[in-house]
Amino acid sequence: AYGGARDPLTVWLTETGDCILLDGHNRHEICTRLGLDYHTEVVRLPDRDAAADWIDSNQLGRRNLTADAFTLLLGRRYARAKKAVGRPEKRDQNDHIPARTADRLAAQHGVGPATVRRAEKFFQEVERTPELKAAVAEGRPVVQVKRELKELAREARREENRQKIAS
């Protein structure tokens, strides 16, 4: 019987010959720590953006994502795909669908195009706000953290007003 990881680790073989782990970080850590065998599956991708997109797409297929994590990944994919549109060297050679980027991603992930566009705004807000980024990583609802941040800002303004009145 095989005594190692059940599923292979996915690695990206770069054009320079580097091997970068894309999927299976926890399996790799466990197998390494316990001295267990594991298999790898190589994916060939044209560049770092394609590798990042592969990771996000793979993560979006997982069942254990929070709603905020799903929205963040979807928004990040949309932002990256929009950046690549119009740049033939960044397009996937198999991507012959003439649909708009939001329509294509919406169809892939079972949501509407408006949801994809809102996801990009969510992604951008989370990226520029460390507290929101931490909340997504911890699985805390972003809406709750936004409320807490607003209340902290209100309290800071109240304290500032109290200081002005006292002086």
N, C-alpha and C. Protein backbone atom coordinates (compact mmCIF):
# COMPACT_ATOMS: atom_id res chain seq x y z
N ALA A 1 0.85 -1.19 0.00
CA ALA A 1 0.00 0.00 0.00
C ALA A 1 0.88 1.24 0.00
N TYR A 2 0.39 2.27 -0.68
CA TYR A 2 1.13 3.53 -0.78
C TYR A 2 0.93 4.33 0.49
N GLY A 3 2.00 4.77 1.12
CA GLY A 3 1.92 5.50 2.38
C GLY A 3 2.33 6.94 2.21
N GLY A 4 1.57 7.68 1.46
CA GLY A 4 1.91 9.08 1.26
C GLY A 4 0.68 9.89 0.95
N ALA A 5 0.87 11.05 0.34
CA ALA A 5 -0.25 11.93 -0.01
C ALA A 5 -1.12 11.26 -1.07
N ARG A 6 -2.41 11.29 -0.88
CA ARG A 6 -3.35 10.68 -1.82
C ARG A 6 -3.37 11.44 -3.15
N ASP A 7 -3.42 12.78 -3.06
CA ASP A 7 -3.48 13.62 -4.25
C ASP A 7 -2.11 14.19 -4.56
N PRO A 8 -1.80 14.33 -5.83
CA PRO A 8 -0.48 14.88 -6.19
C PRO A 8 -0.39 16.38 -5.87
N LEU A 9 0.83 16.84 -5.67
CA LEU A 9 1.09 18.26 -5.52
C LEU A 9 1.21 18.83 -6.92
N THR A 10 0.71 20.03 -7.13
CA THR A 10 0.78 20.64 -8.46
C THR A 10 1.90 21.66 -8.47
N VAL A 11 2.81 21.50 -9.42
CA VAL A 11 3.94 22.41 -9.55
C VAL A 11 3.95 23.04 -10.93
N TRP A 12 4.46 24.25 -10.97
CA TRP A 12 4.62 24.99 -12.22
C TRP A 12 6.09 24.95 -12.59
N LEU A 13 6.36 24.43 -13.76
CA LEU A 13 7.72 24.41 -14.27
C LEU A 13 7.90 25.66 -15.13
N THR A 14 8.68 26.62 -14.63
CA THR A 14 8.85 27.89 -15.32
C THR A 14 9.76 27.69 -16.53
N GLU A 15 9.78 28.70 -17.38
CA GLU A 15 10.63 28.63 -18.58
C GLU A 15 12.11 28.60 -18.22
N THR A 16 12.45 29.11 -17.04
CA THR A 16 13.85 29.09 -16.60
C THR A 16 14.20 27.78 -15.90
N GLY A 17 13.24 26.88 -15.78
CA GLY A 17 13.49 25.57 -15.17
C GLY A 17 13.21 25.50 -13.69
N ASP A 18 12.75 26.60 -13.09
CA ASP A 18 12.39 26.59 -11.67
C ASP A 18 11.09 25.81 -11.49
N CYS A 19 10.97 25.16 -10.36
CA CYS A 19 9.78 24.38 -10.05
C CYS A 19 9.10 25.06 -8.85
N ILE A 20 7.88 25.59 -9.07
CA ILE A 20 7.17 26.35 -8.03
C ILE A 20 5.89 25.62 -7.65
N LEU A 21 5.72 25.38 -6.37
CA LEU A 21 4.54 24.69 -5.86
C LEU A 21 3.32 25.60 -5.95
N LEU A 22 2.30 25.15 -6.69
CA LEU A 22 1.07 25.93 -6.84
C LEU A 22 -0.04 25.43 -5.94
N ASP A 23 -0.11 24.13 -5.74
CA ASP A 23 -1.19 23.55 -4.94
C ASP A 23 -0.66 22.36 -4.16
N GLY A 24 -1.02 22.29 -2.89
CA GLY A 24 -0.61 21.18 -2.06
C GLY A 24 0.38 21.57 -0.98
N HIS A 25 0.36 22.84 -0.58
CA HIS A 25 1.32 23.31 0.42
C HIS A 25 1.18 22.55 1.74
N ASN A 26 -0.06 22.33 2.19
CA ASN A 26 -0.25 21.60 3.45
C ASN A 26 0.18 20.14 3.31
N ARG A 27 -0.18 19.50 2.19
CA ARG A 27 0.24 18.11 1.96
C ARG A 27 1.76 18.01 1.92
N HIS A 28 2.40 18.97 1.28
CA HIS A 28 3.86 18.96 1.20
C HIS A 28 4.48 19.08 2.59
N GLU A 29 3.96 20.00 3.40
CA GLU A 29 4.49 20.18 4.75
C GLU A 29 4.31 18.92 5.59
N ILE A 30 3.14 18.30 5.50
CA ILE A 30 2.87 17.09 6.28
C ILE A 30 3.76 15.94 5.82
N CYS A 31 3.84 15.73 4.51
CA CYS A 31 4.66 14.64 3.98
C CYS A 31 6.14 14.85 4.32
N THR A 32 6.61 16.08 4.22
CA THR A 32 8.01 16.37 4.54
C THR A 32 8.27 16.13 6.02
N ARG A 33 7.38 16.62 6.87
CA ARG A 33 7.56 16.47 8.31
C ARG A 33 7.54 15.00 8.74
N LEU A 34 6.66 14.20 8.10
CA LEU A 34 6.51 12.80 8.49
C LEU A 34 7.34 11.84 7.64
N GLY A 35 8.06 12.37 6.67
CA GLY A 35 8.89 11.53 5.81
C GLY A 35 8.07 10.66 4.87
N LEU A 36 6.92 11.14 4.44
CA LEU A 36 6.05 10.37 3.55
C LEU A 36 6.31 10.74 2.10
N ASP A 37 5.98 9.83 1.22
CA ASP A 37 6.14 10.07 -0.21
C ASP A 37 4.99 10.93 -0.73
N TYR A 38 5.27 11.60 -1.84
CA TYR A 38 4.22 12.35 -2.54
C TYR A 38 4.59 12.38 -4.02
N HIS A 39 3.58 12.55 -4.83
CA HIS A 39 3.76 12.66 -6.28
C HIS A 39 3.50 14.11 -6.68
N THR A 40 4.06 14.48 -7.80
CA THR A 40 3.81 15.83 -8.31
C THR A 40 3.19 15.73 -9.69
N GLU A 41 2.43 16.76 -10.00
CA GLU A 41 1.82 16.92 -11.31
C GLU A 41 2.31 18.27 -11.84
N VAL A 42 2.91 18.28 -13.02
CA VAL A 42 3.48 19.50 -13.57
C VAL A 42 2.48 20.18 -14.49
N VAL A 43 2.32 21.50 -14.31
CA VAL A 43 1.52 22.30 -15.24
C VAL A 43 2.46 23.28 -15.92
N ARG A 44 2.24 23.47 -17.18
CA ARG A 44 3.05 24.42 -17.94
C ARG A 44 2.20 25.66 -18.20
N LEU A 45 2.72 26.78 -17.74
CA LEU A 45 2.02 28.05 -17.85
C LEU A 45 2.98 29.08 -18.41
N PRO A 46 2.46 30.06 -19.17
CA PRO A 46 3.36 31.00 -19.85
C PRO A 46 4.08 31.99 -18.94
N ASP A 47 3.45 32.36 -17.80
CA ASP A 47 4.07 33.39 -16.97
C ASP A 47 3.46 33.40 -15.57
N ARG A 48 3.97 34.32 -14.74
CA ARG A 48 3.54 34.43 -13.35
C ARG A 48 2.05 34.77 -13.23
N ASP A 49 1.54 35.64 -14.11
CA ASP A 49 0.11 35.98 -14.08
C ASP A 49 -0.75 34.74 -14.34
N ALA A 50 -0.33 33.92 -15.29
CA ALA A 50 -1.07 32.69 -15.59
C ALA A 50 -1.02 31.74 -14.40
N ALA A 51 0.13 31.69 -13.72
CA ALA A 51 0.25 30.83 -12.53
C ALA A 51 -0.67 31.33 -11.41
N ALA A 52 -0.69 32.65 -11.20
CA ALA A 52 -1.57 33.23 -10.18
C ALA A 52 -3.03 32.97 -10.52
N ASP A 53 -3.37 33.07 -11.80
CA ASP A 53 -4.74 32.81 -12.22
C ASP A 53 -5.10 31.34 -12.02
N TRP A 54 -4.16 30.44 -12.29
CA TRP A 54 -4.38 29.01 -12.07
C TRP A 54 -4.67 28.76 -10.59
N ILE A 55 -3.89 29.39 -9.72
CA ILE A 55 -4.08 29.21 -8.28
C ILE A 55 -5.47 29.69 -7.86
N ASP A 56 -5.83 30.92 -8.28
CA ASP A 56 -7.14 31.46 -7.89
C ASP A 56 -8.28 30.62 -8.45
N SER A 57 -8.16 30.20 -9.70
CA SER A 57 -9.21 29.38 -10.32
C SER A 57 -9.36 28.06 -9.56
N ASN A 58 -8.24 27.46 -9.21
CA ASN A 58 -8.25 26.20 -8.46
C ASN A 58 -8.90 26.40 -7.09
N GLN A 59 -8.55 27.49 -6.41
CA GLN A 59 -9.13 27.77 -5.10
C GLN A 59 -10.63 28.02 -5.18
N LEU A 60 -11.07 28.68 -6.27
CA LEU A 60 -12.50 28.96 -6.43
C LEU A 60 -13.32 27.68 -6.56
N GLY A 61 -12.69 26.59 -6.90
CA GLY A 61 -13.39 25.31 -7.01
C GLY A 61 -13.56 24.59 -5.69
N ARG A 62 -12.99 25.11 -4.64
CA ARG A 62 -13.08 24.45 -3.32
C ARG A 62 -14.42 24.75 -2.66
N ARG A 63 -14.89 23.79 -1.88
CA ARG A 63 -16.19 23.93 -1.23
C ARG A 63 -16.13 24.68 0.09
N ASN A 64 -14.93 24.74 0.70
CA ASN A 64 -14.83 25.30 2.04
C ASN A 64 -14.49 26.79 2.07
N LEU A 65 -14.66 27.50 0.97
CA LEU A 65 -14.39 28.93 0.94
C LEU A 65 -15.51 29.71 1.62
N THR A 66 -15.13 30.74 2.36
CA THR A 66 -16.16 31.65 2.87
C THR A 66 -16.65 32.48 1.69
N ALA A 67 -17.79 33.12 1.87
CA ALA A 67 -18.33 33.98 0.80
C ALA A 67 -17.36 35.10 0.48
N ASP A 68 -16.73 35.68 1.51
CA ASP A 68 -15.77 36.76 1.28
C ASP A 68 -14.53 36.26 0.54
N ALA A 69 -14.04 35.08 0.88
CA ALA A 69 -12.87 34.53 0.19
C ALA A 69 -13.20 34.26 -1.27
N PHE A 70 -14.39 33.73 -1.54
CA PHE A 70 -14.82 33.49 -2.92
C PHE A 70 -14.86 34.80 -3.70
N THR A 71 -15.46 35.82 -3.09
CA THR A 71 -15.58 37.12 -3.76
C THR A 71 -14.21 37.73 -4.01
N LEU A 72 -13.31 37.62 -3.04
CA LEU A 72 -11.96 38.15 -3.20
C LEU A 72 -11.24 37.48 -4.37
N LEU A 73 -11.28 36.15 -4.42
CA LEU A 73 -10.60 35.41 -5.49
C LEU A 73 -11.21 35.73 -6.85
N LEU A 74 -12.53 35.81 -6.90
CA LEU A 74 -13.21 36.13 -8.16
C LEU A 74 -12.82 37.54 -8.62
N GLY A 75 -12.81 38.48 -7.70
CA GLY A 75 -12.43 39.85 -8.03
C GLY A 75 -10.99 39.94 -8.49
N ARG A 76 -10.12 39.19 -7.86
CA ARG A 76 -8.70 39.19 -8.25
C ARG A 76 -8.53 38.60 -9.65
N ARG A 77 -9.26 37.51 -9.93
CA ARG A 77 -9.20 36.92 -11.28
C ARG A 77 -9.69 37.92 -12.32
N TYR A 78 -10.77 38.62 -12.02
CA TYR A 78 -11.34 39.57 -12.96
C TYR A 78 -10.35 40.72 -13.22
N ALA A 79 -9.77 41.25 -12.15
CA ALA A 79 -8.81 42.35 -12.30
C ALA A 79 -7.62 41.90 -13.15
N ARG A 80 -7.13 40.70 -12.91
CA ARG A 80 -5.98 40.18 -13.66
C ARG A 80 -6.36 39.94 -15.12
N ALA A 81 -7.55 39.39 -15.35
CA ALA A 81 -7.99 39.10 -16.72
C ALA A 81 -8.22 40.38 -17.50
N LYS A 82 -8.79 41.39 -16.84
CA LYS A 82 -9.01 42.68 -17.52
C LYS A 82 -7.68 43.29 -17.93
N LYS A 83 -6.68 43.15 -17.06
CA LYS A 83 -5.36 43.70 -17.36
C LYS A 83 -4.76 43.04 -18.60
N ALA A 84 -5.04 41.74 -18.78
CA ALA A 84 -4.46 40.99 -19.89
C ALA A 84 -5.21 41.18 -21.21
N VAL A 85 -6.47 41.60 -21.13
CA VAL A 85 -7.26 41.78 -22.35
C VAL A 85 -6.59 42.83 -23.23
N GLY A 86 -6.54 42.53 -24.51
CA GLY A 86 -5.91 43.47 -25.42
C GLY A 86 -4.42 43.25 -25.54
N ARG A 87 -3.89 42.33 -24.74
CA ARG A 87 -2.47 42.00 -24.82
C ARG A 87 -2.38 40.56 -25.28
N PRO A 88 -2.24 40.33 -26.59
CA PRO A 88 -2.26 38.97 -27.13
C PRO A 88 -1.27 38.02 -26.45
N GLU A 89 -0.13 38.53 -25.99
CA GLU A 89 0.84 37.65 -25.35
C GLU A 89 0.37 37.14 -24.00
N LYS A 90 -0.65 37.79 -23.41
CA LYS A 90 -1.18 37.37 -22.12
C LYS A 90 -2.41 36.50 -22.26
N ARG A 91 -2.99 36.42 -23.44
CA ARG A 91 -4.20 35.62 -23.62
C ARG A 91 -3.85 34.14 -23.68
N ASP A 92 -4.75 33.35 -23.13
CA ASP A 92 -4.63 31.90 -23.22
C ASP A 92 -4.89 31.50 -24.66
N GLN A 93 -4.00 30.72 -25.23
CA GLN A 93 -4.16 30.36 -26.65
C GLN A 93 -5.43 29.57 -26.92
N ASN A 94 -6.00 28.94 -25.89
CA ASN A 94 -7.23 28.17 -26.07
C ASN A 94 -8.47 29.02 -25.85
N ASP A 95 -8.28 30.28 -25.48
CA ASP A 95 -9.41 31.16 -25.17
C ASP A 95 -9.95 31.77 -26.46
N HIS A 96 -10.84 31.06 -27.10
CA HIS A 96 -11.41 31.53 -28.35
C HIS A 96 -12.83 32.09 -28.15
N ILE A 97 -13.27 32.17 -26.90
CA ILE A 97 -14.60 32.69 -26.61
C ILE A 97 -14.56 34.21 -26.71
N PRO A 98 -15.35 34.81 -27.58
CA PRO A 98 -15.29 36.26 -27.74
C PRO A 98 -16.07 37.03 -26.67
N ALA A 99 -16.53 36.34 -25.66
CA ALA A 99 -17.33 36.99 -24.61
C ALA A 99 -16.49 37.98 -23.83
N ARG A 100 -17.17 38.96 -23.27
CA ARG A 100 -16.49 39.92 -22.41
C ARG A 100 -15.95 39.19 -21.19
N THR A 101 -14.93 39.74 -20.59
CA THR A 101 -14.24 39.10 -19.47
C THR A 101 -15.20 38.77 -18.32
N ALA A 102 -16.04 39.71 -17.92
CA ALA A 102 -16.97 39.47 -16.81
C ALA A 102 -17.95 38.36 -17.16
N ASP A 103 -18.43 38.33 -18.41
CA ASP A 103 -19.36 37.29 -18.84
C ASP A 103 -18.70 35.91 -18.79
N ARG A 104 -17.46 35.86 -19.25
CA ARG A 104 -16.74 34.59 -19.29
C ARG A 104 -16.50 34.05 -17.87
N LEU A 105 -16.03 34.92 -16.97
CA LEU A 105 -15.78 34.49 -15.59
C LEU A 105 -17.09 34.14 -14.88
N ALA A 106 -18.15 34.91 -15.16
CA ALA A 106 -19.45 34.62 -14.56
C ALA A 106 -19.91 33.22 -14.94
N ALA A 107 -19.78 32.88 -16.22
CA ALA A 107 -20.19 31.55 -16.69
C ALA A 107 -19.35 30.46 -16.04
N GLN A 108 -18.05 30.70 -15.89
CA GLN A 108 -17.16 29.70 -15.28
C GLN A 108 -17.51 29.42 -13.83
N HIS A 109 -17.97 30.46 -13.11
CA HIS A 109 -18.16 30.31 -11.66
C HIS A 109 -19.61 30.36 -11.21
N GLY A 110 -20.53 30.32 -12.17
CA GLY A 110 -21.94 30.21 -11.82
C GLY A 110 -22.53 31.43 -11.15
N VAL A 111 -22.08 32.61 -11.54
CA VAL A 111 -22.62 33.86 -11.00
C VAL A 111 -22.94 34.77 -12.18
N GLY A 112 -23.52 35.92 -11.91
CA GLY A 112 -23.81 36.88 -12.97
C GLY A 112 -22.63 37.81 -13.21
N PRO A 113 -22.58 38.44 -14.38
CA PRO A 113 -21.50 39.37 -14.70
C PRO A 113 -21.42 40.55 -13.72
N ALA A 114 -22.57 41.02 -13.23
CA ALA A 114 -22.56 42.12 -12.27
C ALA A 114 -21.86 41.69 -10.97
N THR A 115 -22.05 40.43 -10.59
CA THR A 115 -21.38 39.90 -9.39
C THR A 115 -19.88 39.92 -9.58
N VAL A 116 -19.43 39.58 -10.78
CA VAL A 116 -17.99 39.58 -11.08
C VAL A 116 -17.44 41.01 -10.96
N ARG A 117 -18.15 41.96 -11.52
CA ARG A 117 -17.68 43.35 -11.46
C ARG A 117 -17.66 43.87 -10.02
N ARG A 118 -18.69 43.52 -9.23
CA ARG A 118 -18.70 43.93 -7.81
C ARG A 118 -17.56 43.25 -7.06
N ALA A 119 -17.24 42.02 -7.44
CA ALA A 119 -16.15 41.29 -6.78
C ALA A 119 -14.82 42.02 -6.98
N GLU A 120 -14.63 42.64 -8.14
CA GLU A 120 -13.39 43.38 -8.35
C GLU A 120 -13.30 44.57 -7.39
N LYS A 121 -14.40 45.27 -7.20
CA LYS A 121 -14.41 46.41 -6.27
C LYS A 121 -14.11 45.92 -4.84
N PHE A 122 -14.70 44.79 -4.47
CA PHE A 122 -14.44 44.19 -3.16
C PHE A 122 -12.96 43.85 -3.03
N PHE A 123 -12.39 43.20 -4.05
CA PHE A 123 -10.98 42.84 -4.05
C PHE A 123 -10.10 44.07 -3.85
N GLN A 124 -10.40 45.15 -4.58
CA GLN A 124 -9.59 46.36 -4.48
C GLN A 124 -9.69 46.98 -3.07
N GLU A 125 -10.89 46.97 -2.49
CA GLU A 125 -11.06 47.51 -1.14
C GLU A 125 -10.29 46.68 -0.12
N VAL A 126 -10.36 45.36 -0.25
CA VAL A 126 -9.66 44.48 0.68
C VAL A 126 -8.14 44.66 0.53
N GLU A 127 -7.66 44.78 -0.70
CA GLU A 127 -6.23 44.93 -0.94
C GLU A 127 -5.67 46.20 -0.31
N ARG A 128 -6.44 47.27 -0.26
CA ARG A 128 -5.90 48.53 0.27
C ARG A 128 -6.20 48.70 1.77
N THR A 129 -6.87 47.73 2.40
CA THR A 129 -7.23 47.84 3.81
C THR A 129 -6.70 46.63 4.58
N PRO A 130 -5.60 46.78 5.29
CA PRO A 130 -4.99 45.63 5.99
C PRO A 130 -5.95 44.89 6.91
N GLU A 131 -6.84 45.62 7.58
CA GLU A 131 -7.79 44.96 8.50
C GLU A 131 -8.75 44.05 7.75
N LEU A 132 -9.15 44.47 6.55
CA LEU A 132 -10.06 43.64 5.76
C LEU A 132 -9.32 42.43 5.20
N LYS A 133 -8.09 42.63 4.79
CA LYS A 133 -7.27 41.53 4.28
C LYS A 133 -7.10 40.46 5.37
N ALA A 134 -6.83 40.91 6.59
CA ALA A 134 -6.68 39.98 7.71
C ALA A 134 -7.99 39.26 7.99
N ALA A 135 -9.11 39.99 7.90
CA ALA A 135 -10.42 39.38 8.16
C ALA A 135 -10.69 38.24 7.19
N VAL A 136 -10.41 38.46 5.90
CA VAL A 136 -10.64 37.39 4.91
C VAL A 136 -9.75 36.20 5.22
N ALA A 137 -8.48 36.46 5.55
CA ALA A 137 -7.55 35.37 5.87
C ALA A 137 -8.00 34.57 7.09
N GLU A 138 -8.62 35.26 8.05
CA GLU A 138 -9.07 34.61 9.28
C GLU A 138 -10.48 34.02 9.16
N GLY A 139 -11.16 34.30 8.05
CA GLY A 139 -12.52 33.81 7.87
C GLY A 139 -13.57 34.65 8.59
N ARG A 140 -13.19 35.86 9.01
CA ARG A 140 -14.15 36.76 9.66
C ARG A 140 -14.92 37.52 8.59
N PRO A 141 -16.20 37.78 8.81
CA PRO A 141 -16.99 38.53 7.82
C PRO A 141 -16.46 39.95 7.64
N VAL A 142 -16.18 40.33 6.42
CA VAL A 142 -15.66 41.65 6.10
C VAL A 142 -16.65 42.73 6.51
N VAL A 143 -17.93 42.49 6.31
CA VAL A 143 -18.94 43.50 6.66
C VAL A 143 -18.87 43.83 8.16
N GLN A 144 -18.60 42.83 8.99
CA GLN A 144 -18.48 43.05 10.43
C GLN A 144 -17.25 43.91 10.74
N VAL A 145 -16.14 43.62 10.09
CA VAL A 145 -14.91 44.38 10.32
C VAL A 145 -15.08 45.82 9.83
N LYS A 146 -15.79 46.01 8.71
CA LYS A 146 -16.04 47.36 8.20
C LYS A 146 -16.86 48.16 9.22
N ARG A 147 -17.86 47.51 9.83
CA ARG A 147 -18.66 48.17 10.87
C ARG A 147 -17.78 48.57 12.05
N GLU A 148 -16.89 47.65 12.46
CA GLU A 148 -15.99 47.93 13.59
C GLU A 148 -15.07 49.10 13.25
N LEU A 149 -14.55 49.15 12.03
CA LEU A 149 -13.67 50.24 11.62
C LEU A 149 -14.40 51.57 11.61
N LYS A 150 -15.66 51.56 11.14
CA LYS A 150 -16.46 52.80 11.15
C LYS A 150 -16.69 53.27 12.58
N GLU A 151 -16.98 52.35 13.48
CA GLU A 151 -17.23 52.71 14.87
C GLU A 151 -15.95 53.26 15.52
N LEU A 152 -14.81 52.67 15.20
CA LEU A 152 -13.54 53.19 15.72
C LEU A 152 -13.28 54.60 15.21
N ALA A 153 -13.56 54.85 13.94
CA ALA A 153 -13.38 56.19 13.37
C ALA A 153 -14.32 57.18 14.05
N ARG A 154 -15.58 56.77 14.29
CA ARG A 154 -16.55 57.64 14.98
C ARG A 154 -16.06 57.98 16.38
N GLU A 155 -15.59 56.96 17.07
CA GLU A 155 -15.11 57.16 18.44
C GLU A 155 -13.89 58.08 18.45
N ALA A 156 -13.02 57.95 17.47
CA ALA A 156 -11.85 58.83 17.38
C ALA A 156 -12.29 60.28 17.16
N ARG A 157 -13.31 60.49 16.31
CA ARG A 157 -13.83 61.84 16.09
C ARG A 157 -14.46 62.40 17.36
N ARG A 158 -15.20 61.55 18.06
CA ARG A 158 -15.82 62.00 19.33
C ARG A 158 -14.75 62.42 20.33
N GLU A 159 -13.70 61.62 20.43
CA GLU A 159 -12.61 61.92 21.36
C GLU A 159 -11.92 63.23 20.97
N GLU A 160 -11.72 63.42 19.68
CA GLU A 160 -11.12 64.65 19.17
C GLU A 160 -11.99 65.85 19.54
N ASN A 161 -13.30 65.72 19.38
CA ASN A 161 -14.22 66.80 19.75
C ASN A 161 -14.19 67.06 21.25
N ARG A 162 -14.13 66.00 22.07
CA ARG A 162 -14.05 66.16 23.52
C ARG A 162 -12.78 66.94 23.90
N GLN A 163 -11.66 66.61 23.22
CA GLN A 163 -10.38 67.29 23.48
C GLN A 163 -10.50 68.78 23.14
N LYS A 164 -11.15 69.09 22.02
CA LYS A 164 -11.31 70.49 21.59
C LYS A 164 -12.15 71.26 22.62
N ILE A 165 -13.21 70.64 23.08
CA ILE A 165 -14.10 71.30 24.05
C ILE A 165 -13.38 71.51 25.38
N ALA A 166 -12.57 70.54 25.78
CA ALA A 166 -11.86 70.61 27.06
C ALA A 166 -10.75 71.66 27.05
N SER A 167 -10.24 72.01 25.89
CA SER A 167 -9.12 72.97 25.87
C SER A 167 -9.52 74.38 25.61
